[in-house]
Amino acid sequence: GPNLMYAGHDGDLDALALAFQLSWEAPPWPGASPTPPGSALAFTVQPEEVKVEFLYPVFNGSAAIDLRSMATSPAKVDLAAVEERVKKLIRLYAGQSCIDACHGAKSI
């Protein structure tokens, strides 16, 4: 399927991790689901699910940057489950009227 990559600030990656309920490791970066500079989430769309990988650089002091890829946990997400989770969050924080206003514009 088509590949989509999302790169952004750490807060953007954290928001996507929440929406998709993802976590990852990125050695040698410490902590749970670290978001080092230059990191991204790569999405591969497949029928009814999406494969997700975390891409990140490892800086070793030289001009060469080692780009690594780690599977997230879970490594695949169900699109219908993500849609329901996102709608629930929108209802909680913005209200049902927000979903109603978006209903005809584009599938959430």
Protein backbone atom coordinates (compact mmCIF):
# COMPACT_ATOMS: atom_id res chain seq x y z
CA GLY A 1 0.00 0.00 0.00
CA PRO A 2 1.01 3.64 -0.09
CA ASN A 3 3.50 4.83 2.48
CA LEU A 4 2.94 7.94 4.54
CA MET A 5 5.49 9.45 6.87
CA TYR A 6 4.73 11.96 9.55
CA ALA A 7 7.55 13.99 11.03
CA GLY A 8 7.01 16.74 13.51
CA HIS A 9 7.82 18.05 16.90
CA ASP A 10 7.86 15.71 19.86
CA GLY A 11 4.37 16.85 20.85
CA ASP A 12 3.01 15.89 17.42
CA LEU A 13 4.54 12.41 17.65
CA ASP A 14 3.22 12.07 21.20
CA ALA A 15 -0.30 12.99 20.00
CA LEU A 16 -0.13 10.38 17.23
CA ALA A 17 1.14 7.81 19.74
CA LEU A 18 -1.90 8.57 21.91
CA ALA A 19 -4.39 8.37 19.02
CA PHE A 20 -2.93 5.11 17.72
CA GLN A 21 -1.99 3.78 21.20
CA LEU A 22 1.63 3.26 20.13
CA SER A 23 4.86 2.91 22.02
CA TRP A 24 8.43 2.22 20.91
CA GLU A 25 12.02 1.89 21.94
CA ALA A 26 14.84 3.77 20.22
CA PRO A 27 18.23 2.69 21.53
CA PRO A 28 20.47 4.40 22.54
CA TRP A 29 17.90 7.10 23.34
CA PRO A 30 16.59 6.60 26.91
CA GLY A 31 13.04 6.54 28.18
CA ALA A 32 9.68 5.30 27.03
CA SER A 33 8.81 6.27 23.42
CA PRO A 34 11.58 8.87 23.04
CA THR A 35 11.30 11.47 20.27
CA PRO A 36 14.85 12.53 19.36
CA PRO A 37 15.46 15.31 16.81
CA GLY A 38 14.75 14.12 13.28
CA SER A 39 12.49 11.24 14.31
CA ALA A 40 9.29 10.27 12.51
CA LEU A 41 6.47 7.75 12.38
CA ALA A 42 6.17 5.85 9.09
CA PHE A 43 2.73 4.48 8.19
CA THR A 44 2.19 1.79 5.56
CA VAL A 45 -1.51 1.56 4.71
CA GLN A 46 -2.85 -1.94 4.14
CA PRO A 47 -6.47 -3.11 3.84
CA GLU A 48 -8.18 -2.55 7.22
CA GLU A 49 -4.93 -1.89 9.09
CA VAL A 50 -1.83 0.25 9.11
CA LYS A 51 1.74 -0.92 9.73
CA VAL A 52 3.67 1.59 11.85
CA GLU A 53 7.41 2.04 12.33
CA PHE A 54 9.39 4.60 14.30
CA LEU A 55 12.33 6.12 12.40
CA TYR A 56 15.07 7.95 14.23
CA PRO A 57 18.66 9.12 13.83
CA VAL A 58 21.60 8.19 16.02
CA PHE A 59 24.26 10.86 16.11
CA ASN A 60 27.78 9.52 16.69
CA GLY A 61 29.80 12.72 16.40
CA SER A 62 30.70 12.24 12.75
CA ALA A 63 29.05 13.67 9.64
CA ALA A 64 27.43 10.27 9.00
CA ILE A 65 24.07 9.85 10.69
CA ASP A 66 22.78 6.35 11.36
CA LEU A 67 19.03 6.24 10.56
CA ARG A 68 17.27 3.39 12.34
CA SER A 69 13.82 1.86 12.10
CA MET A 70 11.99 0.13 14.94
CA ALA A 71 8.58 -1.50 14.87
CA THR A 72 6.14 0.16 17.22
CA SER A 73 4.05 -1.72 19.72
CA PRO A 74 1.62 -2.67 18.39
CA ALA A 75 3.27 -2.95 14.96
CA LYS A 76 -0.12 -2.79 13.20
CA VAL A 77 -3.23 -0.85 14.10
CA ASP A 78 -6.87 -1.40 13.17
CA LEU A 79 -8.29 1.62 11.34
CA ALA A 80 -11.83 1.19 12.66
CA ALA A 81 -10.57 1.07 16.26
CA VAL A 82 -8.46 4.19 15.74
CA GLU A 83 -11.43 6.02 14.21
CA GLU A 84 -13.62 5.20 17.22
CA ARG A 85 -10.87 6.21 19.68
CA VAL A 86 -10.32 9.55 17.90
CA LYS A 87 -14.06 10.26 17.78
CA LYS A 88 -14.28 9.53 21.51
CA LEU A 89 -11.46 12.00 22.22
CA ILE A 90 -13.08 14.65 20.01
CA ARG A 91 -16.41 14.19 21.81
CA LEU A 92 -14.65 14.47 25.16
CA TYR A 93 -12.69 17.64 24.38
CA ALA A 94 -14.62 19.42 21.60
CA GLY A 95 -18.10 17.92 21.79
CA GLN A 96 -20.35 16.00 19.42
CA SER A 97 -21.03 19.19 17.43
CA CYS A 98 -17.42 19.09 16.20
CA ILE A 99 -17.92 15.60 14.77
CA ASP A 100 -21.29 16.61 13.30
CA ALA A 101 -19.69 19.60 11.57
CA CYS A 102 -16.98 17.38 10.07
CA HIS A 103 -19.25 14.48 9.15
CA GLY A 104 -19.93 15.43 5.55
CA ALA A 105 -16.58 17.12 4.90
CA LYS A 106 -14.18 14.17 5.11
CA SER A 107 -14.06 10.82 6.82
CA ILE A 108 -12.35 11.14 10.20
